[in-house]
N, C-alpha and C. Protein backbone atom coordinates (compact mmCIF):
# COMPACT_ATOMS: atom_id res chain seq x y z
N UNK A 1 -44.83 227.91 12.06
CA UNK A 1 -45.95 227.80 12.70
C UNK A 1 -47.43 227.94 12.10
N UNK A 2 -47.56 229.04 11.49
CA UNK A 2 -48.57 229.58 10.90
C UNK A 2 -48.86 228.74 10.04
N UNK A 3 -47.79 228.44 9.21
CA UNK A 3 -47.72 227.62 7.67
C UNK A 3 -48.28 226.33 7.99
N UNK A 4 -48.07 225.75 9.51
CA UNK A 4 -48.02 224.00 9.72
C UNK A 4 -49.97 224.23 10.24
N UNK A 5 -50.22 225.01 10.86
CA UNK A 5 -51.51 224.97 11.56
C UNK A 5 -52.36 225.71 9.86
N UNK A 6 -51.97 226.31 8.96
CA UNK A 6 -52.98 226.30 7.79
C UNK A 6 -52.85 224.90 7.25
N UNK A 7 -51.72 224.44 7.05
CA UNK A 7 -52.16 223.13 6.12
C UNK A 7 -52.83 222.50 6.91
N UNK A 8 -52.92 222.41 8.27
CA UNK A 8 -53.84 221.40 9.23
C UNK A 8 -55.24 221.72 9.36
N UNK A 9 -55.61 223.02 9.30
CA UNK A 9 -57.02 223.39 8.72
C UNK A 9 -57.49 223.07 7.11
N UNK A 10 -56.66 223.22 6.26
CA UNK A 10 -56.70 222.80 5.34
C UNK A 10 -57.21 221.38 4.85
N UNK A 11 -56.44 220.56 5.52
CA UNK A 11 -56.94 218.97 5.67
C UNK A 11 -57.88 218.60 6.48
N UNK A 12 -57.96 219.39 7.39
CA UNK A 12 -59.42 218.88 8.28
C UNK A 12 -60.77 219.30 7.93
N UNK A 13 -60.75 220.45 7.22
CA UNK A 13 -61.71 221.10 6.75
C UNK A 13 -62.01 220.59 5.03
N UNK A 14 -61.11 219.94 4.66
CA UNK A 14 -61.28 219.40 3.23
C UNK A 14 -62.33 219.90 2.78
N UNK A 15 -62.84 220.05 1.29
CA UNK A 15 -63.98 220.05 1.17
C UNK A 15 -64.56 218.85 0.69
N UNK A 16 -63.71 217.67 0.67
CA UNK A 16 -64.78 216.23 0.78
C UNK A 16 -64.84 215.93 2.28
N UNK A 17 -64.64 216.53 3.15
CA UNK A 17 -65.11 216.18 4.40
C UNK A 17 -66.25 216.90 5.34
N UNK A 18 -66.62 218.03 4.34
CA UNK A 18 -67.56 218.97 4.87
C UNK A 18 -68.78 218.37 5.10
N UNK A 19 -69.24 217.63 4.43
CA UNK A 19 -70.47 216.66 4.34
C UNK A 19 -70.67 215.94 5.70
N UNK A 20 -69.33 215.23 5.85
CA UNK A 20 -69.62 214.41 6.84
C UNK A 20 -69.57 215.10 8.50
N UNK A 21 -68.72 216.32 8.54
CA UNK A 21 -68.62 217.00 9.57
C UNK A 21 -69.92 217.71 9.83
N UNK A 22 -70.90 218.19 9.05
CA UNK A 22 -71.95 218.61 9.07
C UNK A 22 -73.02 217.18 9.54
N UNK A 23 -72.82 215.94 9.02
CA UNK A 23 -73.88 214.96 9.33
C UNK A 23 -73.34 214.97 10.89
N UNK A 24 -72.31 214.95 11.48
CA UNK A 24 -71.94 214.79 12.78
C UNK A 24 -72.84 215.83 13.67
N UNK A 25 -72.76 216.72 13.18
CA UNK A 25 -73.10 218.15 13.79
C UNK A 25 -74.72 218.01 14.08
N UNK A 26 -75.41 217.41 13.09
CA UNK A 26 -76.76 217.16 13.01
C UNK A 26 -76.99 215.92 13.86
N UNK A 27 -76.44 215.08 13.79
CA UNK A 27 -76.57 213.93 14.62
C UNK A 27 -76.35 214.25 16.63
N UNK A 28 -75.58 215.31 16.63
CA UNK A 28 -75.05 215.45 17.94
C UNK A 28 -76.28 216.59 18.59
N UNK A 29 -76.48 217.39 17.55
CA UNK A 29 -77.50 218.80 17.89
C UNK A 29 -79.35 218.22 17.73
N UNK A 30 -79.35 217.39 16.85
CA UNK A 30 -80.57 216.86 16.68
C UNK A 30 -80.79 215.49 16.07
N UNK A 31 -80.87 214.42 17.16
CA UNK A 31 -80.27 213.15 17.06
C UNK A 31 -81.69 212.73 17.11
N UNK A 32 -82.77 213.17 17.44
CA UNK A 32 -84.27 212.74 17.50
C UNK A 32 -84.75 212.86 15.95
N UNK A 33 -83.93 213.74 15.18
CA UNK A 33 -84.33 213.67 13.76
C UNK A 33 -84.03 212.64 12.74
N UNK A 34 -83.24 211.53 13.26
CA UNK A 34 -82.49 210.41 12.72
C UNK A 34 -83.11 209.31 13.54
N UNK A 35 -84.48 209.27 14.11
CA UNK A 35 -85.16 208.48 14.71
C UNK A 35 -85.28 206.99 13.60
N UNK A 36 -84.82 205.83 14.35
CA UNK A 36 -84.86 204.98 13.53
C UNK A 36 -83.52 204.58 12.64
N UNK A 37 -83.01 205.30 12.66
CA UNK A 37 -81.85 205.16 11.83
C UNK A 37 -80.55 204.94 12.91
N UNK A 38 -79.65 204.26 12.54
CA UNK A 38 -78.33 204.16 13.52
C UNK A 38 -77.42 204.94 12.87
N UNK A 39 -76.66 205.29 14.01
CA UNK A 39 -75.61 206.58 13.51
C UNK A 39 -74.85 206.01 13.26
N UNK A 40 -74.42 205.01 13.51
CA UNK A 40 -72.89 204.10 12.68
C UNK A 40 -73.55 204.08 10.89
N UNK A 41 -74.43 203.98 10.76
CA UNK A 41 -75.12 203.40 9.27
C UNK A 41 -74.95 204.78 8.58
N UNK A 42 -75.68 205.97 9.12
CA UNK A 42 -75.66 207.01 9.00
C UNK A 42 -74.19 208.12 8.75
N UNK A 43 -73.39 207.66 9.52
CA UNK A 43 -72.12 208.21 9.11
C UNK A 43 -71.26 207.07 7.94
N UNK A 44 -71.33 206.09 8.07
CA UNK A 44 -70.94 205.05 6.97
C UNK A 44 -71.45 205.69 5.94
N UNK A 45 -72.86 205.89 5.30
CA UNK A 45 -73.66 206.22 4.03
C UNK A 45 -72.57 207.40 3.72
N UNK A 46 -72.41 208.44 4.48
CA UNK A 46 -71.92 209.62 4.38
C UNK A 46 -70.66 209.77 3.90
N UNK A 47 -70.06 209.35 4.83
CA UNK A 47 -68.54 208.94 4.63
C UNK A 47 -67.99 208.40 3.57
N UNK A 48 -68.56 207.13 3.91
CA UNK A 48 -67.99 206.27 2.19
C UNK A 48 -68.31 207.22 0.72
N UNK A 49 -69.54 207.76 0.77
CA UNK A 49 -69.84 208.03 -0.56
C UNK A 49 -69.51 209.40 -0.49
N UNK A 50 -69.43 210.41 0.40
CA UNK A 50 -68.84 211.78 -0.02
C UNK A 50 -67.65 211.90 0.08
N UNK A 51 -66.74 211.12 0.73
CA UNK A 51 -65.24 211.24 0.98
C UNK A 51 -64.40 210.16 0.28
N UNK A 52 -64.65 209.05 0.58
CA UNK A 52 -63.60 207.61 0.36
C UNK A 52 -63.90 207.38 -0.78
N UNK A 53 -64.83 207.16 -1.58
CA UNK A 53 -64.96 206.72 -2.83
C UNK A 53 -64.09 208.11 -3.91
N UNK A 54 -64.69 209.25 -3.84
CA UNK A 54 -63.97 210.45 -4.66
C UNK A 54 -62.56 210.87 -3.88
N UNK A 55 -62.23 210.24 -2.71
CA UNK A 55 -60.73 210.62 -2.55
C UNK A 55 -59.83 209.70 -3.41
N UNK A 56 -60.53 207.98 -3.13
CA UNK A 56 -59.73 207.37 -3.88
C UNK A 56 -59.52 207.30 -5.20
N UNK A 57 -60.99 207.73 -6.25
CA UNK A 57 -60.69 208.07 -7.57
C UNK A 57 -59.87 209.34 -7.77
N UNK A 58 -59.71 210.29 -6.78
CA UNK A 58 -58.72 211.21 -7.46
C UNK A 58 -57.25 210.97 -7.33
N UNK A 59 -57.20 209.96 -6.16
CA UNK A 59 -55.75 209.21 -5.99
C UNK A 59 -55.41 208.55 -7.12
N UNK A 60 -56.31 207.82 -7.86
CA UNK A 60 -55.85 206.93 -8.99
C UNK A 60 -55.74 207.78 -9.74
N UNK A 61 -56.48 208.77 -10.15
CA UNK A 61 -56.43 209.83 -11.31
C UNK A 61 -54.55 210.58 -11.34
N UNK A 62 -54.14 210.64 -9.65
CA UNK A 62 -53.07 211.24 -9.63
C UNK A 62 -52.04 209.80 -10.17
N UNK A 63 -52.38 208.82 -9.79
CA UNK A 63 -51.66 207.81 -10.33
C UNK A 63 -51.43 207.55 -11.90
N UNK A 64 -52.62 207.77 -12.58
CA UNK A 64 -52.45 207.54 -13.83
C UNK A 64 -52.23 208.25 -14.53
N UNK A 65 -51.80 209.59 -13.99
CA UNK A 65 -51.12 210.59 -14.78
C UNK A 65 -52.57 211.72 -15.38
N UNK A 66 -53.64 211.52 -15.03
CA UNK A 66 -54.90 212.92 -14.99
C UNK A 66 -54.47 213.77 -14.43
N UNK A 67 -53.73 213.92 -12.96
CA UNK A 67 -53.54 215.21 -12.67
C UNK A 67 -52.11 215.33 -12.15
N UNK A 68 -51.75 216.20 -12.15
CA UNK A 68 -50.04 216.32 -11.64
C UNK A 68 -49.72 216.33 -10.32
N UNK A 69 -51.04 217.30 -9.47
CA UNK A 69 -50.63 217.33 -8.34
C UNK A 69 -51.78 216.97 -7.64
N UNK A 70 -51.77 216.72 -6.42
CA UNK A 70 -53.44 216.42 -5.44
C UNK A 70 -54.17 217.61 -5.21
N UNK A 71 -53.20 218.81 -4.77
CA UNK A 71 -53.17 220.39 -4.60
C UNK A 71 -54.17 221.08 -6.07
N UNK A 72 -53.82 220.32 -7.11
CA UNK A 72 -54.35 220.52 -8.51
C UNK A 72 -54.69 222.40 -8.58
N UNK A 73 -53.52 222.73 -8.84
CA UNK A 73 -53.47 224.33 -8.75
C UNK A 73 -54.03 224.82 -10.12
N UNK A 74 -54.02 223.79 -11.18
CA UNK A 74 -54.37 224.32 -12.35
C UNK A 74 -55.70 224.11 -12.65
N UNK A 75 -56.62 225.11 -12.94
CA UNK A 75 -57.98 224.73 -12.60
C UNK A 75 -58.29 223.51 -13.60
N UNK A 76 -57.90 223.79 -14.63
CA UNK A 76 -58.20 222.67 -15.89
C UNK A 76 -58.23 221.28 -15.24
N UNK A 77 -57.08 221.15 -14.24
CA UNK A 77 -56.57 219.68 -13.99
C UNK A 77 -57.94 219.32 -12.94
N UNK A 78 -58.85 220.15 -12.68
CA UNK A 78 -59.81 219.86 -11.51
C UNK A 78 -61.21 219.39 -12.41
N UNK A 79 -61.24 219.63 -13.71
CA UNK A 79 -62.15 219.07 -14.39
C UNK A 79 -62.51 217.89 -13.94
N UNK A 80 -61.85 216.62 -14.27
CA UNK A 80 -62.11 215.09 -14.05
C UNK A 80 -62.45 214.78 -12.97
N UNK A 81 -61.71 215.17 -11.53
CA UNK A 81 -62.01 215.17 -10.26
C UNK A 81 -63.43 215.40 -9.94
N UNK A 82 -63.52 217.04 -10.44
CA UNK A 82 -65.15 217.58 -9.92
C UNK A 82 -66.28 216.50 -10.69
N UNK A 83 -66.00 215.74 -11.88
CA UNK A 83 -66.83 215.02 -12.50
C UNK A 83 -67.54 214.01 -11.81
N UNK A 84 -65.94 213.17 -11.34
CA UNK A 84 -66.41 212.06 -10.38
C UNK A 84 -66.64 212.35 -9.39
N UNK A 85 -66.65 213.33 -8.92
CA UNK A 85 -67.23 214.22 -7.18
C UNK A 85 -68.86 214.06 -7.83
N UNK A 86 -69.26 214.55 -8.54
CA UNK A 86 -70.36 215.01 -8.91
C UNK A 86 -71.25 213.42 -8.85
N UNK A 87 -70.71 212.57 -9.57
CA UNK A 87 -71.22 211.56 -9.99
C UNK A 87 -71.18 210.95 -8.05
N UNK A 88 -70.38 210.36 -7.63
CA UNK A 88 -70.44 210.37 -6.00
C UNK A 88 -71.02 211.17 -5.52
N UNK A 89 -71.20 212.03 -5.51
CA UNK A 89 -72.50 212.80 -4.39
C UNK A 89 -73.98 212.76 -5.00
N UNK A 90 -74.07 212.53 -6.28
CA UNK A 90 -75.54 212.28 -6.62
C UNK A 90 -75.93 210.96 -6.27
N UNK A 91 -75.07 210.00 -6.23
CA UNK A 91 -75.22 208.51 -5.53
C UNK A 91 -75.31 208.93 -3.74
N UNK A 92 -74.52 209.52 -3.67
CA UNK A 92 -74.98 209.87 -1.97
C UNK A 92 -76.51 210.18 -1.94
N UNK A 93 -76.98 211.46 -2.82
CA UNK A 93 -77.89 212.11 -2.52
C UNK A 93 -79.09 211.12 -2.06
N UNK A 94 -78.81 209.99 -3.41
CA UNK A 94 -80.15 209.01 -3.55
C UNK A 94 -79.93 207.85 -2.87
N UNK A 95 -79.07 207.88 -1.90
CA UNK A 95 -79.06 207.05 -1.07
C UNK A 95 -79.45 207.57 0.39
N UNK A 96 -79.13 208.93 0.98
CA UNK A 96 -79.76 209.41 1.94
C UNK A 96 -81.35 209.72 1.70
N UNK A 97 -81.97 209.79 0.45
CA UNK A 97 -83.37 210.02 0.35
C UNK A 97 -83.74 208.11 -0.01
N UNK A 98 -83.08 207.21 0.04
CA UNK A 98 -83.78 205.98 0.00
C UNK A 98 -83.65 205.23 1.59
N UNK A 99 -82.66 206.05 2.48
CA UNK A 99 -82.65 205.78 3.57
C UNK A 99 -83.75 206.66 4.67
N UNK A 100 -84.21 207.62 3.73
CA UNK A 100 -85.23 208.14 4.53
C UNK A 100 -84.49 209.12 5.51
N UNK A 101 -83.59 209.88 5.47
CA UNK A 101 -82.67 210.70 6.01
C UNK A 101 -83.53 211.76 6.15
N UNK A 102 -83.22 212.79 7.55
CA UNK A 102 -83.87 213.84 7.51
C UNK A 102 -84.18 215.20 6.78
N UNK A 103 -85.21 216.00 6.69
CA UNK A 103 -85.47 217.02 6.08
C UNK A 103 -84.19 217.70 5.97
N UNK A 104 -83.76 218.24 7.11
CA UNK A 104 -82.62 219.13 7.24
C UNK A 104 -81.21 218.36 6.38
N UNK A 105 -81.23 217.04 6.27
CA UNK A 105 -79.88 216.61 5.79
C UNK A 105 -79.94 216.55 4.18
N UNK A 106 -81.51 216.24 3.83
CA UNK A 106 -81.75 216.23 2.38
C UNK A 106 -81.31 217.62 1.35
N UNK A 107 -82.02 218.88 2.72
CA UNK A 107 -81.59 219.82 1.90
C UNK A 107 -80.18 220.66 2.00
N UNK A 108 -79.53 219.45 2.79
CA UNK A 108 -78.16 220.08 2.83
C UNK A 108 -77.58 219.94 1.57
N UNK A 109 -77.30 218.42 1.48
CA UNK A 109 -77.32 217.20 0.24
C UNK A 109 -77.54 217.82 -1.06
N UNK A 110 -78.71 218.52 -1.00
CA UNK A 110 -79.30 219.04 -2.09
C UNK A 110 -78.08 220.32 -2.76
N UNK A 111 -78.14 221.12 -1.55
CA UNK A 111 -77.44 222.53 -1.78
C UNK A 111 -75.86 221.88 -2.27
N UNK A 112 -75.54 220.68 -1.80
CA UNK A 112 -74.02 220.65 -2.09
C UNK A 112 -73.96 220.11 -3.64
N UNK A 113 -75.04 219.59 -3.89
CA UNK A 113 -75.05 219.05 -5.28
C UNK A 113 -75.00 220.52 -6.33
N UNK A 114 -76.16 221.38 -5.54
CA UNK A 114 -75.93 222.56 -6.98
C UNK A 114 -74.48 223.06 -6.51
N UNK A 115 -73.86 223.14 -5.32
CA UNK A 115 -72.72 223.69 -5.38
C UNK A 115 -71.16 223.29 -6.34
N UNK A 116 -71.59 221.62 -6.30
CA UNK A 116 -71.01 221.04 -7.18
C UNK A 116 -70.99 221.51 -8.47
N UNK A 117 -71.89 221.22 -8.96
CA UNK A 117 -72.58 221.65 -10.24
C UNK A 117 -71.95 223.23 -10.75
N UNK A 118 -72.07 224.13 -9.79
CA UNK A 118 -71.70 225.35 -10.02
C UNK A 118 -70.35 225.52 -10.25
N UNK A 119 -69.55 225.04 -9.33
CA UNK A 119 -68.20 224.80 -9.19
C UNK A 119 -67.36 223.96 -10.56
N UNK A 120 -68.12 223.36 -11.25
CA UNK A 120 -68.05 222.53 -12.34
C UNK A 120 -67.75 223.59 -13.20
N UNK A 121 -68.79 224.14 -13.73
CA UNK A 121 -69.22 225.18 -14.69
C UNK A 121 -68.34 226.29 -14.75
N UNK A 122 -67.92 226.79 -13.26
CA UNK A 122 -67.09 227.73 -13.32
C UNK A 122 -65.73 227.80 -13.08
N UNK A 123 -65.56 226.55 -13.09
CA UNK A 123 -64.01 226.50 -12.70
C UNK A 123 -63.64 225.86 -14.58
N UNK A 124 -64.27 225.67 -15.15
CA UNK A 124 -63.89 225.32 -16.57
C UNK A 124 -63.47 226.62 -17.21
N UNK A 125 -63.69 227.87 -16.68
CA UNK A 125 -63.16 229.00 -17.05
C UNK A 125 -62.37 229.55 -15.88
N UNK A 126 -62.62 229.60 -14.82
CA UNK A 126 -62.04 229.97 -13.66
C UNK A 126 -61.70 229.57 -12.53
N UNK A 127 -60.50 229.71 -12.22
CA UNK A 127 -60.01 228.66 -10.79
C UNK A 127 -60.90 229.25 -9.33
N UNK A 128 -61.81 228.27 -8.82
CA UNK A 128 -62.50 228.59 -7.40
C UNK A 128 -61.65 227.79 -6.65
N UNK A 129 -61.84 228.67 -5.21
CA UNK A 129 -61.58 227.89 -4.13
C UNK A 129 -62.70 226.69 -3.64
N UNK A 130 -62.22 225.85 -3.63
CA UNK A 130 -63.62 224.33 -3.34
C UNK A 130 -63.45 224.63 -2.05
N UNK A 131 -62.23 224.67 -1.09
CA UNK A 131 -62.41 224.74 0.20
C UNK A 131 -63.29 225.64 0.95
N UNK A 132 -63.32 226.67 0.20
CA UNK A 132 -64.42 227.90 0.69
C UNK A 132 -65.75 227.40 0.28
N UNK A 133 -66.15 226.74 -0.97
CA UNK A 133 -67.24 226.39 -1.54
C UNK A 133 -67.79 225.39 -0.27
N UNK A 134 -67.09 224.44 0.15
CA UNK A 134 -67.34 223.55 1.10
C UNK A 134 -67.98 224.21 2.52
N UNK A 135 -66.73 225.11 3.08
CA UNK A 135 -67.04 225.46 4.40
C UNK A 135 -68.15 226.48 4.14
N UNK A 136 -68.37 227.38 3.35
CA UNK A 136 -69.50 228.23 3.17
C UNK A 136 -70.97 227.50 3.23
N UNK A 137 -70.24 226.94 2.38
CA UNK A 137 -71.87 226.09 2.46
C UNK A 137 -72.30 225.32 3.67
N UNK A 138 -71.53 224.56 4.50
CA UNK A 138 -71.97 224.36 5.90
C UNK A 138 -72.36 225.59 6.43
N UNK A 139 -71.29 226.50 6.90
CA UNK A 139 -71.85 227.76 7.38
C UNK A 139 -73.40 228.23 7.01
N UNK A 140 -73.56 228.15 5.72
CA UNK A 140 -74.94 228.68 5.17
C UNK A 140 -76.32 227.77 5.85
N UNK A 141 -75.75 226.55 5.87
CA UNK A 141 -76.77 225.52 6.26
C UNK A 141 -77.21 225.54 7.88
N UNK A 142 -75.97 225.59 8.09
CA UNK A 142 -76.12 226.24 9.72
C UNK A 142 -77.13 227.32 10.08
N UNK A 143 -76.75 228.11 9.15
CA UNK A 143 -77.55 229.57 9.63
C UNK A 143 -79.08 229.37 9.61
N UNK A 144 -78.86 228.06 8.24
CA UNK A 144 -80.77 227.92 8.29
C UNK A 144 -81.09 227.59 9.30
N UNK A 145 -80.23 226.31 9.70
CA UNK A 145 -81.07 225.61 10.60
C UNK A 145 -81.25 226.40 12.09
N UNK A 146 -80.52 227.47 12.29
CA UNK A 146 -80.30 228.32 13.55
C UNK A 146 -82.39 228.61 13.75
N UNK A 147 -83.01 228.52 12.51
CA UNK A 147 -84.20 229.20 12.62
C UNK A 147 -85.31 228.22 12.62
N UNK A 148 -84.71 226.54 12.22
CA UNK A 148 -85.82 226.37 12.63
C UNK A 148 -85.45 224.53 13.48
N UNK A 149 -84.36 224.71 14.01
CA UNK A 149 -84.23 223.84 14.63
C UNK A 149 -84.68 223.42 16.36
N UNK A 150 -85.15 222.82 16.57
CA UNK A 150 -85.21 223.05 18.03
C UNK A 150 -84.18 223.17 19.10
N UNK A 151 -83.08 222.55 18.62
CA UNK A 151 -81.84 222.94 19.51
C UNK A 151 -80.98 223.96 19.37
N UNK A 152 -80.53 224.89 20.25
CA UNK A 152 -79.96 226.04 20.13
C UNK A 152 -78.81 226.08 19.37
N UNK A 153 -78.45 226.01 17.94
CA UNK A 153 -77.41 226.30 17.59
C UNK A 153 -76.82 227.82 17.27
N UNK A 154 -77.11 228.38 18.01
CA UNK A 154 -76.30 229.87 17.73
C UNK A 154 -74.75 229.79 18.14
N UNK A 155 -74.18 229.45 18.97
CA UNK A 155 -73.21 229.04 19.67
C UNK A 155 -72.36 228.27 18.17
N UNK A 156 -73.09 227.45 17.74
CA UNK A 156 -72.44 226.39 16.56
C UNK A 156 -72.29 227.65 15.56
N UNK A 157 -73.31 228.48 15.40
CA UNK A 157 -72.95 229.14 14.42
C UNK A 157 -72.03 230.15 14.10
N UNK A 158 -71.94 230.98 15.21
CA UNK A 158 -70.70 231.75 15.50
C UNK A 158 -69.55 230.99 15.42
N UNK A 159 -69.28 229.90 15.76
CA UNK A 159 -68.03 229.02 15.63
C UNK A 159 -67.68 228.62 14.39
N UNK A 160 -68.71 228.86 13.61
CA UNK A 160 -68.65 228.11 12.14
C UNK A 160 -68.23 229.68 11.31
N UNK A 161 -68.77 230.25 11.88
CA UNK A 161 -68.04 231.87 11.38
C UNK A 161 -66.73 232.24 11.75
N UNK A 162 -66.08 231.71 12.81
CA UNK A 162 -64.83 231.86 12.72
C UNK A 162 -64.37 230.81 12.07
N UNK A 163 -64.34 229.74 11.91
CA UNK A 163 -63.58 228.92 11.25
C UNK A 163 -63.73 229.26 9.58
N UNK A 164 -64.95 229.62 8.92
CA UNK A 164 -64.85 229.80 7.81
C UNK A 164 -64.11 231.33 7.90
N UNK A 165 -63.37 231.59 8.09
CA UNK A 165 -62.55 233.01 7.98
C UNK A 165 -61.10 232.61 8.12
N UNK A 166 -60.96 231.24 9.23
CA UNK A 166 -60.02 230.91 9.59
C UNK A 166 -58.98 230.12 7.99
N UNK A 167 -60.06 229.22 7.82
CA UNK A 167 -59.94 228.43 6.16
C UNK A 167 -59.70 229.27 5.16
N UNK A 168 -60.18 230.63 5.24
CA UNK A 168 -60.00 231.44 4.26
C UNK A 168 -58.91 232.02 4.55
N UNK A 169 -57.98 232.39 5.61
CA UNK A 169 -56.98 232.83 5.71
C UNK A 169 -55.90 231.70 5.45
N UNK A 170 -56.22 230.68 6.01
CA UNK A 170 -55.51 229.41 5.70
C UNK A 170 -55.20 229.22 4.03
N UNK A 171 -55.97 229.34 3.08
CA UNK A 171 -55.65 229.14 1.98
C UNK A 171 -54.96 230.06 1.26
N UNK A 172 -55.03 231.90 2.03
CA UNK A 172 -54.16 232.47 1.40
C UNK A 172 -52.95 232.92 1.49
N UNK A 173 -53.14 232.16 3.03
CA UNK A 173 -51.79 232.18 3.63
C UNK A 173 -50.83 231.11 2.99
N UNK A 174 -51.68 230.06 2.64
CA UNK A 174 -50.39 228.87 1.68
C UNK A 174 -49.99 229.35 0.07
N UNK A 175 -51.00 230.39 -0.43
CA UNK A 175 -50.41 230.78 -1.45
C UNK A 175 -51.82 230.00 -2.42
N UNK A 176 -52.47 229.59 -1.88
CA UNK A 176 -53.37 228.23 -2.97
C UNK A 176 -54.55 228.72 -3.65
N UNK A 177 -54.45 230.34 -3.18
CA UNK A 177 -55.75 231.06 -3.55
C UNK A 177 -55.56 232.10 -3.72
N UNK A 178 -56.46 232.84 -4.58
CA UNK A 178 -56.34 234.71 -4.46
C UNK A 178 -57.64 235.15 -3.70
N UNK A 179 -57.63 236.42 -3.37
CA UNK A 179 -58.67 236.56 -2.70
C UNK A 179 -60.09 236.58 -3.52
N UNK A 180 -59.87 237.04 -4.96
CA UNK A 180 -61.54 236.87 -5.42
C UNK A 180 -61.59 235.64 -5.44
N UNK A 181 -60.33 234.47 -5.59
CA UNK A 181 -60.83 232.97 -5.47
C UNK A 181 -62.02 232.63 -4.44
N UNK A 182 -61.35 232.93 -3.70
CA UNK A 182 -61.85 232.64 -1.96
C UNK A 182 -63.19 233.44 -1.99
N UNK A 183 -63.80 234.70 -2.43
CA UNK A 183 -64.43 235.36 -2.60
C UNK A 183 -65.60 234.71 -3.39
N UNK A 184 -64.88 234.23 -4.35
CA UNK A 184 -65.96 233.40 -5.52
C UNK A 184 -66.66 232.09 -4.90
N UNK A 185 -65.42 231.25 -4.01
CA UNK A 185 -65.92 229.91 -3.41
C UNK A 185 -66.71 229.98 -2.28
N UNK A 186 -66.50 231.46 -1.54
CA UNK A 186 -67.65 231.21 -0.71
C UNK A 186 -69.32 231.53 -0.96
N UNK A 187 -69.32 232.41 -2.34
CA UNK A 187 -70.62 232.89 -2.57
C UNK A 187 -71.16 231.77 -3.43
N UNK A 188 -70.38 230.83 -3.91
CA UNK A 188 -71.09 229.65 -4.86
C UNK A 188 -71.38 228.92 -3.64
N UNK A 189 -70.85 228.67 -2.64
CA UNK A 189 -71.09 227.72 -1.18
C UNK A 189 -72.32 227.99 -0.62
N UNK A 190 -72.70 229.33 -0.51
CA UNK A 190 -73.75 230.11 -0.24
C UNK A 190 -75.16 230.07 -0.85
N UNK A 191 -74.30 229.98 -2.38
CA UNK A 191 -75.83 230.07 -3.12
C UNK A 191 -76.31 228.75 -3.26
N UNK A 192 -75.34 227.54 -3.54
CA UNK A 192 -76.15 226.29 -3.41
C UNK A 192 -77.02 225.96 -2.18
N UNK A 193 -76.60 225.99 -1.09
CA UNK A 193 -77.76 225.77 -0.03
C UNK A 193 -78.52 226.65 -0.40
N UNK A 194 -78.63 227.99 -0.24
CA UNK A 194 -80.08 228.88 -0.68
C UNK A 194 -81.07 228.09 -1.72
N UNK A 195 -79.98 227.98 -2.90
CA UNK A 195 -80.88 227.22 -4.22
C UNK A 195 -81.65 226.09 -3.82
N UNK A 196 -80.56 225.20 -2.84
CA UNK A 196 -81.17 223.62 -2.55
C UNK A 196 -82.40 223.65 -1.63
N UNK A 197 -82.31 224.64 -0.73
CA UNK A 197 -83.51 225.01 -0.06
C UNK A 197 -84.87 225.40 -0.99
N UNK A 198 -84.79 225.40 -2.10
CA UNK A 198 -85.91 225.76 -2.91
C UNK A 198 -86.24 224.19 -3.76
N UNK A 199 -85.16 224.00 -4.20
CA UNK A 199 -85.37 222.84 -5.31
C UNK A 199 -85.47 221.50 -4.52
N UNK A 200 -85.76 221.37 -3.06
CA UNK A 200 -85.46 219.88 -2.24
C UNK A 200 -87.16 219.94 -1.80
N UNK A 201 -87.46 218.38 -2.43
CA UNK A 201 -88.88 218.66 -1.99
C UNK A 201 -88.55 216.87 -1.57
N UNK A 202 -89.39 216.74 -0.12
CA UNK A 202 -89.20 215.43 0.42
C UNK A 202 -90.46 214.42 0.10
């Protein structure tokens, strides 16, 4: 039962899905910040560019033999998928700028890009938990939002803390990562969002 739950958590909060989850949270808690933008278009732009395209490219890599397993237990097999993901996420970032997504979303997307680049560099030498990069990035973004959002996000922040712990536990229980890899992933995700805050300029 615990193994099934761990797998469900790993699939639901896959690193490629975290940007979509964060966008949905912003749309729900701060809909006025997307004034003039259709929520359907917002979700479509984010989901297609940050999940669908990278996921399809990874599936094609698996089919062509560039990677042996979709879980990619060997960190060297993650190099090409990470490069492909970076390309799609750069495109997603540019698309959100062109469509005039709100400032909060711009900062988050910049933070995601920083985390991806950092993950790529670290991954060349050492395996890092990409699940933790994604979930800790969302956690840090929500923490930053707590201080500036007109809406009360304190309960969402607390829920995100619990979710971060649950995902970390799931990855450890499944034997996908060591404790050190989980901690490194957590720090990379947090670093990306904090650094993205300083890099982003509307």
